[in-house]
Amino acid sequence: MPVTDYLIPPPARSGAAVAGSNSLWLCGLCASCEAWPPDRYTFQLPCTGLPVFIGHQEQWVDSSGMVPGDVGAARRFAEVDGLGVICLIEITPDHPGVLWDVAEGRCNGLSVTAHPVEPPGGGLEWVYFSEVSLTSTPRDPLARIVSGGRLALDDWECLTGSPAGVLR
């Protein structure tokens, strides 16, 4: 049943205070097991950062013309059993307003551009990501930012069992 009109509540562990912090980190679920069942798909997670856009807009128009639309990078990805794929996102210092939009609930959903591919010899479809977007209406209602700032780094470490690997 398609969900066409819903509001995602603001991240439970961030709030407006995150937008004023020096940490420009976000942690969230970008692909849930509900939308990508593990009995049908296997993720080929990127080993490097992917661009983060607002609503899949790869370019913006400003007074100087077309400019790149990326507001940061998804730095780390991990698959968590029973949950899905989580990501650790770094928002560039040039775009601090994005944190306000997340904290206020205007774009705290996550959406990925995913490319399912049938593997050689059959089996579970491989899924590759090419970008991550912040949005108010993700296709997967469970895909959303859950924390920001230092809490995002702590949540990453708690969920994955591995250090975030960034300076705090």
C-alpha atoms as a PDB file:
ATOM      1  CA  MET A   1       0.000   0.000   0.000  1.00  0.00           C
ATOM      2  CA  PRO A   2       1.668   3.251  -1.085  1.00  0.00           C
ATOM      3  CA  VAL A   3       2.122   5.971   1.482  1.00  0.00           C
ATOM      4  CA  THR A   4       1.490   9.305  -0.169  1.00  0.00           C
ATOM      5  CA  ASP A   5       0.836  11.738   2.666  1.00  0.00           C
ATOM      6  CA  TYR A   6       2.731  11.434   5.909  1.00  0.00           C
ATOM      7  CA  LEU A   7       5.066  13.448   8.054  1.00  0.00           C
ATOM      8  CA  ILE A   8       8.272  12.038   9.438  1.00  0.00           C
ATOM      9  CA  PRO A   9       8.814  13.262  12.986  1.00  0.00           C
ATOM     10  CA  PRO A  10      12.091  15.078  13.682  1.00  0.00           C
ATOM     11  CA  PRO A  11      15.005  12.866  14.688  1.00  0.00           C
ATOM     12  CA  ALA A  12      14.426  11.617  18.203  1.00  0.00           C
ATOM     13  CA  ARG A  13      18.014  12.180  19.275  1.00  0.00           C
ATOM     14  CA  SER A  14      18.895  15.507  17.724  1.00  0.00           C
ATOM     15  CA  GLY A  15      16.524  18.456  17.826  1.00  0.00           C
ATOM     16  CA  ALA A  16      17.377  22.053  17.080  1.00  0.00           C
ATOM     17  CA  ALA A  17      20.453  21.950  19.337  1.00  0.00           C
ATOM     18  CA  VAL A  18      22.261  19.844  16.726  1.00  0.00           C
ATOM     19  CA  ALA A  19      22.095  22.663  14.207  1.00  0.00           C
ATOM     20  CA  GLY A  20      24.130  24.858  16.546  1.00  0.00           C
ATOM     21  CA  SER A  21      26.831  22.274  17.207  1.00  0.00           C
ATOM     22  CA  ASN A  22      30.267  22.146  15.587  1.00  0.00           C
ATOM     23  CA  SER A  23      29.699  18.546  14.520  1.00  0.00           C
ATOM     24  CA  LEU A  24      28.124  18.318  11.107  1.00  0.00           C
ATOM     25  CA  TRP A  25      27.383  14.585  11.364  1.00  0.00           C
ATOM     26  CA  LEU A  26      24.126  12.697  10.803  1.00  0.00           C
ATOM     27  CA  CYS A  27      23.379   9.000  11.252  1.00  0.00           C
ATOM     28  CA  GLY A  28      20.387   7.250   9.776  1.00  0.00           C
ATOM     29  CA  LEU A  29      18.792   4.233   8.165  1.00  0.00           C
ATOM     30  CA  CYS A  30      19.041   4.578   4.369  1.00  0.00           C
ATOM     31  CA  ALA A  31      17.603   1.172   3.367  1.00  0.00           C
ATOM     32  CA  SER A  32      15.361  -0.871   5.659  1.00  0.00           C
ATOM     33  CA  CYS A  33      14.974  -4.638   5.642  1.00  0.00           C
ATOM     34  CA  GLU A  34      11.268  -4.023   5.130  1.00  0.00           C
ATOM     35  CA  ALA A  35      11.816  -2.281   1.779  1.00  0.00           C
ATOM     36  CA  TRP A  36      14.858  -4.403   0.787  1.00  0.00           C
ATOM     37  CA  PRO A  37      14.182  -7.920   2.180  1.00  0.00           C
ATOM     38  CA  PRO A  38      17.422  -9.828   2.922  1.00  0.00           C
ATOM     39  CA  ASP A  39      16.002 -12.945   1.269  1.00  0.00           C
ATOM     40  CA  ARG A  40      15.881 -11.051  -2.088  1.00  0.00           C
ATOM     41  CA  TYR A  41      18.758  -8.544  -1.977  1.00  0.00           C
ATOM     42  CA  THR A  42      22.368  -8.282  -0.882  1.00  0.00           C
ATOM     43  CA  PHE A  43      24.019  -4.882  -0.620  1.00  0.00           C
ATOM     44  CA  GLN A  44      27.348  -4.092  -2.252  1.00  0.00           C
ATOM     45  CA  LEU A  45      28.231  -1.237   0.067  1.00  0.00           C
ATOM     46  CA  PRO A  46      30.526   1.505  -1.232  1.00  0.00           C
ATOM     47  CA  CYS A  47      33.999   1.715   0.250  1.00  0.00           C
ATOM     48  CA  THR A  48      34.199   5.476  -0.366  1.00  0.00           C
ATOM     49  CA  GLY A  49      31.892   8.413   0.309  1.00  0.00           C
ATOM     50  CA  LEU A  50      28.880   9.074  -1.888  1.00  0.00           C
ATOM     51  CA  PRO A  51      27.415  12.525  -2.537  1.00  0.00           C
ATOM     52  CA  VAL A  52      24.520  13.698  -0.381  1.00  0.00           C
ATOM     53  CA  PHE A  53      21.860  15.779  -2.134  1.00  0.00           C
ATOM     54  CA  ILE A  54      18.606  17.414  -1.091  1.00  0.00           C
ATOM     55  CA  GLY A  55      15.790  15.613  -2.893  1.00  0.00           C
ATOM     56  CA  HIS A  56      18.101  14.000  -5.496  1.00  0.00           C
ATOM     57  CA  GLN A  57      18.937  17.420  -6.991  1.00  0.00           C
ATOM     58  CA  GLU A  58      22.397  17.054  -8.482  1.00  0.00           C
ATOM     59  CA  GLN A  59      22.540  20.750  -9.384  1.00  0.00           C
ATOM     60  CA  TRP A  60      21.063  23.967  -8.006  1.00  0.00           C
ATOM     61  CA  VAL A  61      20.432  27.299  -9.650  1.00  0.00           C
ATOM     62  CA  ASP A  62      21.917  30.315  -7.898  1.00  0.00           C
ATOM     63  CA  SER A  63      22.843  33.841  -8.970  1.00  0.00           C
ATOM     64  CA  SER A  64      25.974  32.572 -10.752  1.00  0.00           C
ATOM     65  CA  GLY A  65      24.132  29.832 -12.651  1.00  0.00           C
ATOM     66  CA  MET A  66      24.130  26.082 -12.098  1.00  0.00           C
ATOM     67  CA  VAL A  67      26.158  24.868  -9.115  1.00  0.00           C
ATOM     68  CA  PRO A  68      26.771  21.348  -7.748  1.00  0.00           C
ATOM     69  CA  GLY A  69      23.905  20.216  -5.524  1.00  0.00           C
ATOM     70  CA  ASP A  70      25.854  18.100  -3.049  1.00  0.00           C
ATOM     71  CA  VAL A  71      25.632  19.283   0.556  1.00  0.00           C
ATOM     72  CA  GLY A  72      27.966  16.652   1.990  1.00  0.00           C
ATOM     73  CA  ALA A  73      29.021  13.036   1.722  1.00  0.00           C
ATOM     74  CA  ALA A  74      27.816   9.714   3.069  1.00  0.00           C
ATOM     75  CA  ARG A  75      31.144   8.614   4.592  1.00  0.00           C
ATOM     76  CA  ARG A  76      30.368   5.150   5.984  1.00  0.00           C
ATOM     77  CA  PHE A  77      27.806   2.403   5.362  1.00  0.00           C
ATOM     78  CA  ALA A  78      27.080  -0.748   7.348  1.00  0.00           C
ATOM     79  CA  GLU A  79      24.464  -3.451   7.159  1.00  0.00           C
ATOM     80  CA  VAL A  80      22.841  -4.190  10.524  1.00  0.00           C
ATOM     81  CA  ASP A  81      20.951  -7.491  10.870  1.00  0.00           C
ATOM     82  CA  GLY A  82      17.197  -7.043  11.143  1.00  0.00           C
ATOM     83  CA  LEU A  83      17.439  -3.285  10.527  1.00  0.00           C
ATOM     84  CA  GLY A  84      18.992  -2.639   7.116  1.00  0.00           C
ATOM     85  CA  VAL A  85      21.756  -0.332   5.921  1.00  0.00           C
ATOM     86  CA  ILE A  86      22.765   2.603   8.085  1.00  0.00           C
ATOM     87  CA  CYS A  87      24.970   5.454   6.958  1.00  0.00           C
ATOM     88  CA  LEU A  88      27.089   8.115   8.578  1.00  0.00           C
ATOM     89  CA  ILE A  89      26.749  11.434   6.753  1.00  0.00           C
ATOM     90  CA  GLU A  90      29.007  14.466   6.932  1.00  0.00           C
ATOM     91  CA  ILE A  91      27.395  17.777   5.983  1.00  0.00           C
ATOM     92  CA  THR A  92      29.935  20.287   4.662  1.00  0.00           C
ATOM     93  CA  PRO A  93      30.451  23.481   6.691  1.00  0.00           C
ATOM     94  CA  ASP A  94      29.180  25.441   3.648  1.00  0.00           C
ATOM     95  CA  HIS A  95      25.668  24.071   4.283  1.00  0.00           C
ATOM     96  CA  PRO A  96      24.868  24.412   8.022  1.00  0.00           C
ATOM     97  CA  GLY A  97      21.247  25.266   7.198  1.00  0.00           C
ATOM     98  CA  VAL A  98      20.744  21.646   6.175  1.00  0.00           C
ATOM     99  CA  LEU A  99      21.054  20.672   9.845  1.00  0.00           C
ATOM    100  CA  TRP A 100      18.217  23.044  10.714  1.00  0.00           C
ATOM    101  CA  ASP A 101      16.074  21.490   8.003  1.00  0.00           C
ATOM    102  CA  VAL A 102      16.773  18.041   9.460  1.00  0.00           C
ATOM    103  CA  ALA A 103      16.196  19.160  13.054  1.00  0.00           C
ATOM    104  CA  GLU A 104      12.924  20.865  12.143  1.00  0.00           C
ATOM    105  CA  GLY A 105      11.692  17.811  10.194  1.00  0.00           C
ATOM    106  CA  ARG A 106      11.728  19.409   6.731  1.00  0.00           C
ATOM    107  CA  CYS A 107      14.184  16.904   5.216  1.00  0.00           C
ATOM    108  CA  ASN A 108      14.963  14.173   7.717  1.00  0.00           C
ATOM    109  CA  GLY A 109      13.980  11.251   5.517  1.00  0.00           C
ATOM    110  CA  LEU A 110      16.664   9.386   3.571  1.00  0.00           C
ATOM    111  CA  SER A 111      16.475   8.173   0.014  1.00  0.00           C
ATOM    112  CA  VAL A 112      19.105   6.317  -1.977  1.00  0.00           C
ATOM    113  CA  THR A 113      19.566   5.937  -5.691  1.00  0.00           C
ATOM    114  CA  ALA A 114      19.855   2.164  -5.809  1.00  0.00           C
ATOM    115  CA  HIS A 115      20.851  -0.034  -8.717  1.00  0.00           C
ATOM    116  CA  PRO A 116      19.757  -3.699  -8.358  1.00  0.00           C
ATOM    117  CA  VAL A 117      21.785  -6.040 -10.567  1.00  0.00           C
ATOM    118  CA  GLU A 118      21.334  -9.760 -11.149  1.00  0.00           C
ATOM    119  CA  PRO A 119      24.634 -11.401 -10.156  1.00  0.00           C
ATOM    120  CA  PRO A 120      26.447 -13.758 -12.502  1.00  0.00           C
ATOM    121  CA  GLY A 121      25.199 -17.267 -11.881  1.00  0.00           C
ATOM    122  CA  GLY A 122      21.997 -16.105 -10.179  1.00  0.00           C
ATOM    123  CA  GLY A 123      21.224 -15.697  -6.515  1.00  0.00           C
ATOM    124  CA  LEU A 124      20.231 -12.662  -4.474  1.00  0.00           C
ATOM    125  CA  GLU A 125      20.166  -9.406  -6.436  1.00  0.00           C
ATOM    126  CA  TRP A 126      23.152  -7.181  -5.743  1.00  0.00           C
ATOM    127  CA  VAL A 127      22.239  -3.601  -4.823  1.00  0.00           C
ATOM    128  CA  TYR A 128      24.632  -0.718  -5.439  1.00  0.00           C
ATOM    129  CA  PHE A 129      24.065   2.864  -4.207  1.00  0.00           C
ATOM    130  CA  SER A 130      25.187   5.895  -6.224  1.00  0.00           C
ATOM    131  CA  GLU A 131      23.993   8.710  -3.949  1.00  0.00           C
ATOM    132  CA  VAL A 132      22.048   9.506  -0.795  1.00  0.00           C
ATOM    133  CA  SER A 133      19.461  12.271  -0.485  1.00  0.00           C
ATOM    134  CA  LEU A 134      17.819  14.038   2.388  1.00  0.00           C
ATOM    135  CA  THR A 135      14.093  14.398   1.683  1.00  0.00           C
ATOM    136  CA  SER A 136      10.746  14.963   3.363  1.00  0.00           C
ATOM    137  CA  THR A 137       9.130  12.062   1.487  1.00  0.00           C
ATOM    138  CA  PRO A 138      11.352   8.991   1.188  1.00  0.00           C
ATOM    139  CA  ARG A 139      10.010   6.008  -0.731  1.00  0.00           C
ATOM    140  CA  ASP A 140      10.882   3.833   2.282  1.00  0.00           C
ATOM    141  CA  PRO A 141       9.039   5.380   5.281  1.00  0.00           C
ATOM    142  CA  LEU A 142      11.537   3.780   7.696  1.00  0.00           C
ATOM    143  CA  ALA A 143      14.547   5.413   5.994  1.00  0.00           C
ATOM    144  CA  ARG A 144      15.358   8.502   8.038  1.00  0.00           C
ATOM    145  CA  ILE A 145      17.915  10.375  10.077  1.00  0.00           C
ATOM    146  CA  VAL A 146      17.886   9.188  13.681  1.00  0.00           C
ATOM    147  CA  SER A 147      20.579  11.376  15.255  1.00  0.00           C
ATOM    148  CA  GLY A 148      22.937  14.238  14.658  1.00  0.00           C
ATOM    149  CA  GLY A 149      26.143  15.751  15.990  1.00  0.00           C
ATOM    150  CA  ARG A 150      28.134  13.723  18.528  1.00  0.00           C
ATOM    151  CA  LEU A 151      25.135  11.440  19.032  1.00  0.00           C
ATOM    152  CA  ALA A 152      25.377  10.424  15.366  1.00  0.00           C
ATOM    153  CA  LEU A 153      28.944   9.240  15.916  1.00  0.00           C
ATOM    154  CA  ASP A 154      27.940   7.408  19.105  1.00  0.00           C
ATOM    155  CA  ASP A 155      24.967   5.767  17.373  1.00  0.00           C
ATOM    156  CA  TRP A 156      27.198   4.647  14.498  1.00  0.00           C
ATOM    157  CA  GLU A 157      29.625   3.010  16.937  1.00  0.00           C
ATOM    158  CA  CYS A 158      26.814   1.412  18.961  1.00  0.00           C
ATOM    159  CA  LEU A 159      25.001  -0.015  15.917  1.00  0.00           C
ATOM    160  CA  THR A 160      28.061  -1.219  14.012  1.00  0.00           C
ATOM    161  CA  GLY A 161      30.486  -2.042  16.805  1.00  0.00           C
ATOM    162  CA  SER A 162      33.203  -0.167  14.929  1.00  0.00           C
ATOM    163  CA  PRO A 163      34.648   3.300  15.531  1.00  0.00           C
ATOM    164  CA  ALA A 164      33.284   6.105  13.373  1.00  0.00           C
ATOM    165  CA  GLY A 165      36.861   6.917  12.414  1.00  0.00           C
ATOM    166  CA  VAL A 166      36.378  10.688  12.521  1.00  0.00           C
ATOM    167  CA  LEU A 167      37.546  13.486  14.778  1.00  0.00           C
ATOM    168  CA  ARG A 168      34.992  14.585  17.312  1.00  0.00           C
END
